[in-house]
Amino acid sequence: MVYICYALFMRTTIDIPDETYRTVKILAAERGDTFRKLVLDGLEMVKQSSQTPRKRFEVPVIRSSRPGSLVIDNETIYDLIDFP
């Protein structure tokens, strides 16, 4: 019996501007790769970057002696928070 599996790859068609295609084709040739491999590498990079956990940002707590009535100016904010 012969089993044929067609589910290994998904074929799709995308529209690529001519100039972009030529540039990527040249880049692939310079690297010794195929156009297909360069596109797959790029897609993998996008996939990996979207899976990278983002650094959690902690909002500083500014206490007030009278909750709901905090009056603060920019200078005080800059004193309380370390900005890069």
N, C-alpha and C. Protein backbone atom coordinates (compact mmCIF):
# COMPACT_ATOMS: atom_id res chain seq x y z
N MET A 1 0.83 -1.18 0.00
CA MET A 1 0.00 0.00 0.00
C MET A 1 0.87 1.24 0.00
N VAL A 2 0.41 2.26 -0.68
CA VAL A 2 1.12 3.53 -0.74
C VAL A 2 0.25 4.60 -0.09
N TYR A 3 0.81 5.28 0.89
CA TYR A 3 0.11 6.38 1.54
C TYR A 3 0.76 7.69 1.14
N ILE A 4 -0.04 8.63 0.74
CA ILE A 4 0.47 9.94 0.35
C ILE A 4 -0.08 10.96 1.34
N CYS A 5 0.82 11.75 1.89
CA CYS A 5 0.41 12.77 2.87
C CYS A 5 0.63 14.15 2.26
N TYR A 6 -0.43 14.90 2.13
CA TYR A 6 -0.35 16.25 1.58
C TYR A 6 -0.43 17.33 2.67
N ALA A 7 -0.49 16.91 3.94
CA ALA A 7 -0.70 17.87 5.01
C ALA A 7 0.60 18.42 5.61
N LEU A 8 1.74 18.22 4.96
CA LEU A 8 3.00 18.68 5.52
C LEU A 8 3.22 20.18 5.32
N PHE A 9 2.71 20.74 4.25
CA PHE A 9 2.92 22.14 3.95
C PHE A 9 1.61 22.79 3.55
N MET A 10 1.47 24.05 3.87
CA MET A 10 0.32 24.83 3.45
C MET A 10 0.78 25.72 2.31
N ARG A 11 0.07 25.70 1.24
CA ARG A 11 0.39 26.59 0.12
C ARG A 11 -0.52 27.80 0.17
N THR A 12 0.05 28.96 -0.10
CA THR A 12 -0.74 30.18 -0.11
C THR A 12 -0.16 31.13 -1.15
N THR A 13 -0.92 32.12 -1.50
CA THR A 13 -0.48 33.12 -2.46
C THR A 13 -0.56 34.49 -1.79
N ILE A 14 0.51 35.25 -1.93
CA ILE A 14 0.51 36.61 -1.41
C ILE A 14 0.98 37.56 -2.49
N ASP A 15 0.51 38.78 -2.43
CA ASP A 15 0.94 39.80 -3.38
C ASP A 15 2.11 40.56 -2.77
N ILE A 16 3.24 40.55 -3.47
CA ILE A 16 4.44 41.25 -3.02
C ILE A 16 4.80 42.29 -4.08
N PRO A 17 5.02 43.53 -3.68
CA PRO A 17 5.43 44.54 -4.66
C PRO A 17 6.71 44.09 -5.38
N ASP A 18 6.78 44.40 -6.67
CA ASP A 18 7.92 43.96 -7.49
C ASP A 18 9.26 44.35 -6.89
N GLU A 19 9.38 45.58 -6.44
CA GLU A 19 10.65 46.06 -5.89
C GLU A 19 11.03 45.28 -4.63
N THR A 20 10.05 45.00 -3.78
CA THR A 20 10.31 44.22 -2.56
C THR A 20 10.75 42.81 -2.94
N TYR A 21 10.09 42.21 -3.91
CA TYR A 21 10.46 40.85 -4.34
C TYR A 21 11.89 40.83 -4.86
N ARG A 22 12.24 41.79 -5.71
CA ARG A 22 13.60 41.83 -6.27
C ARG A 22 14.64 42.01 -5.17
N THR A 23 14.36 42.91 -4.23
CA THR A 23 15.31 43.17 -3.15
C THR A 23 15.52 41.92 -2.28
N VAL A 24 14.43 41.26 -1.92
CA VAL A 24 14.52 40.06 -1.07
C VAL A 24 15.18 38.92 -1.84
N LYS A 25 14.89 38.81 -3.11
CA LYS A 25 15.50 37.76 -3.94
C LYS A 25 17.03 37.95 -3.99
N ILE A 26 17.47 39.18 -4.16
CA ILE A 26 18.91 39.48 -4.19
C ILE A 26 19.53 39.19 -2.82
N LEU A 27 18.85 39.63 -1.76
CA LEU A 27 19.34 39.38 -0.40
C LEU A 27 19.48 37.88 -0.13
N ALA A 28 18.51 37.12 -0.55
CA ALA A 28 18.57 35.67 -0.37
C ALA A 28 19.75 35.08 -1.13
N ALA A 29 19.97 35.52 -2.35
CA ALA A 29 21.09 35.02 -3.15
C ALA A 29 22.43 35.37 -2.49
N GLU A 30 22.53 36.59 -1.97
CA GLU A 30 23.77 37.00 -1.30
C GLU A 30 24.06 36.16 -0.07
N ARG A 31 23.01 35.70 0.60
CA ARG A 31 23.17 34.86 1.79
C ARG A 31 23.31 33.38 1.45
N GLY A 32 23.10 33.05 0.20
CA GLY A 32 23.15 31.64 -0.20
C GLY A 32 21.89 30.89 0.18
N ASP A 33 20.81 31.61 0.34
CA ASP A 33 19.52 31.02 0.71
C ASP A 33 18.54 31.18 -0.45
N THR A 34 17.40 30.53 -0.30
CA THR A 34 16.34 30.70 -1.28
C THR A 34 15.39 31.79 -0.79
N PHE A 35 14.60 32.31 -1.71
CA PHE A 35 13.58 33.30 -1.37
C PHE A 35 12.64 32.70 -0.33
N ARG A 36 12.24 31.47 -0.54
CA ARG A 36 11.32 30.77 0.36
C ARG A 36 11.89 30.71 1.77
N LYS A 37 13.18 30.33 1.91
CA LYS A 37 13.78 30.21 3.23
C LYS A 37 13.85 31.57 3.92
N LEU A 38 14.18 32.61 3.18
CA LEU A 38 14.26 33.94 3.78
C LEU A 38 12.88 34.39 4.28
N VAL A 39 11.84 34.13 3.51
CA VAL A 39 10.48 34.48 3.93
C VAL A 39 10.08 33.66 5.16
N LEU A 40 10.38 32.38 5.17
CA LEU A 40 10.05 31.54 6.32
C LEU A 40 10.81 31.98 7.56
N ASP A 41 12.09 32.36 7.40
CA ASP A 41 12.87 32.87 8.54
C ASP A 41 12.23 34.15 9.09
N GLY A 42 11.79 35.03 8.20
CA GLY A 42 11.15 36.27 8.63
C GLY A 42 9.85 36.00 9.37
N LEU A 43 9.06 35.08 8.86
CA LEU A 43 7.80 34.72 9.54
C LEU A 43 8.07 34.12 10.91
N GLU A 44 9.12 33.31 11.00
CA GLU A 44 9.48 32.71 12.29
C GLU A 44 9.92 33.79 13.28
N MET A 45 10.65 34.79 12.82
CA MET A 45 11.07 35.89 13.69
C MET A 45 9.85 36.65 14.23
N VAL A 46 8.88 36.90 13.37
CA VAL A 46 7.66 37.60 13.80
C VAL A 46 6.92 36.76 14.83
N LYS A 47 6.84 35.46 14.57
CA LYS A 47 6.15 34.56 15.49
C LYS A 47 6.85 34.54 16.84
N GLN A 48 8.17 34.46 16.85
CA GLN A 48 8.93 34.43 18.10
C GLN A 48 8.80 35.74 18.88
N SER A 49 8.84 36.87 18.17
CA SER A 49 8.77 38.16 18.86
C SER A 49 7.40 38.38 19.50
N SER A 50 6.37 37.80 18.91
CA SER A 50 5.04 37.97 19.50
C SER A 50 4.85 37.06 20.70
N GLN A 51 5.71 36.05 20.85
CA GLN A 51 5.60 35.13 21.98
C GLN A 51 6.50 35.55 23.14
N THR A 52 7.36 36.52 22.92
CA THR A 52 8.27 36.98 23.96
C THR A 52 7.47 37.73 25.02
N PRO A 53 7.57 37.29 26.27
CA PRO A 53 6.81 38.00 27.30
C PRO A 53 7.33 39.43 27.47
N ARG A 54 6.43 40.34 27.63
CA ARG A 54 6.81 41.73 27.80
C ARG A 54 7.12 42.00 29.26
N LYS A 55 8.02 42.94 29.47
CA LYS A 55 8.40 43.31 30.83
C LYS A 55 7.20 43.97 31.51
N ARG A 56 6.92 43.52 32.69
CA ARG A 56 5.78 44.04 33.44
C ARG A 56 6.14 45.42 34.00
N PHE A 57 5.25 46.35 33.84
CA PHE A 57 5.44 47.70 34.33
C PHE A 57 4.65 47.87 35.61
N GLU A 58 5.34 48.32 36.65
CA GLU A 58 4.66 48.53 37.92
C GLU A 58 4.38 50.02 38.10
N VAL A 59 3.15 50.33 38.38
CA VAL A 59 2.74 51.71 38.60
C VAL A 59 3.04 52.06 40.05
N PRO A 60 3.76 53.14 40.28
CA PRO A 60 4.07 53.50 41.67
C PRO A 60 2.82 53.96 42.41
N VAL A 61 2.78 53.64 43.68
CA VAL A 61 1.67 54.06 44.53
C VAL A 61 2.08 55.35 45.23
N ILE A 62 1.27 56.37 45.08
CA ILE A 62 1.53 57.65 45.73
C ILE A 62 0.45 57.84 46.78
N ARG A 63 0.87 57.85 48.02
CA ARG A 63 -0.06 57.94 49.14
C ARG A 63 -0.49 59.39 49.38
N SER A 64 -1.69 59.53 49.87
CA SER A 64 -2.23 60.84 50.20
C SER A 64 -2.81 60.79 51.60
N SER A 65 -2.62 61.88 52.34
CA SER A 65 -3.19 61.91 53.69
C SER A 65 -4.71 62.03 53.64
N ARG A 66 -5.22 62.55 52.51
CA ARG A 66 -6.67 62.66 52.30
C ARG A 66 -7.01 61.98 50.96
N PRO A 67 -7.34 60.68 51.01
CA PRO A 67 -7.63 59.96 49.76
C PRO A 67 -8.68 60.68 48.91
N GLY A 68 -8.42 60.70 47.62
CA GLY A 68 -9.33 61.35 46.68
C GLY A 68 -9.04 62.81 46.49
N SER A 69 -8.01 63.32 47.17
CA SER A 69 -7.73 64.75 47.05
C SER A 69 -6.24 65.00 46.79
N LEU A 70 -5.58 64.08 46.10
CA LEU A 70 -4.15 64.22 45.84
C LEU A 70 -3.91 65.34 44.84
N VAL A 71 -3.10 66.28 45.23
CA VAL A 71 -2.69 67.36 44.33
C VAL A 71 -1.21 67.15 44.09
N ILE A 72 -0.84 66.95 42.84
CA ILE A 72 0.55 66.63 42.52
C ILE A 72 0.94 67.37 41.24
N ASP A 73 2.17 67.82 41.17
CA ASP A 73 2.64 68.50 39.96
C ASP A 73 3.74 67.66 39.29
N ASN A 74 4.16 68.08 38.11
CA ASN A 74 5.15 67.33 37.35
C ASN A 74 6.47 67.18 38.09
N GLU A 75 6.89 68.21 38.78
CA GLU A 75 8.16 68.16 39.51
C GLU A 75 8.15 67.06 40.56
N THR A 76 7.03 66.94 41.27
CA THR A 76 6.90 65.90 42.30
C THR A 76 6.89 64.52 41.65
N ILE A 77 6.23 64.39 40.52
CA ILE A 77 6.21 63.10 39.80
C ILE A 77 7.62 62.70 39.41
N TYR A 78 8.40 63.63 38.87
CA TYR A 78 9.77 63.33 38.47
C TYR A 78 10.64 62.97 39.67
N ASP A 79 10.34 63.52 40.83
CA ASP A 79 11.08 63.17 42.04
C ASP A 79 10.74 61.76 42.52
N LEU A 80 9.50 61.34 42.33
CA LEU A 80 9.05 60.04 42.82
C LEU A 80 9.35 58.88 41.87
N ILE A 81 9.43 59.14 40.60
CA ILE A 81 9.58 58.08 39.61
C ILE A 81 10.92 58.24 38.89
N ASP A 82 11.65 57.12 38.76
CA ASP A 82 12.91 57.14 38.02
C ASP A 82 12.62 57.01 36.53
N PHE A 83 12.78 58.08 35.83
CA PHE A 83 12.60 58.05 34.38
C PHE A 83 13.94 57.79 33.72
N PRO A 84 13.93 57.07 32.60
CA PRO A 84 15.21 56.78 31.91
C PRO A 84 15.85 58.03 31.35
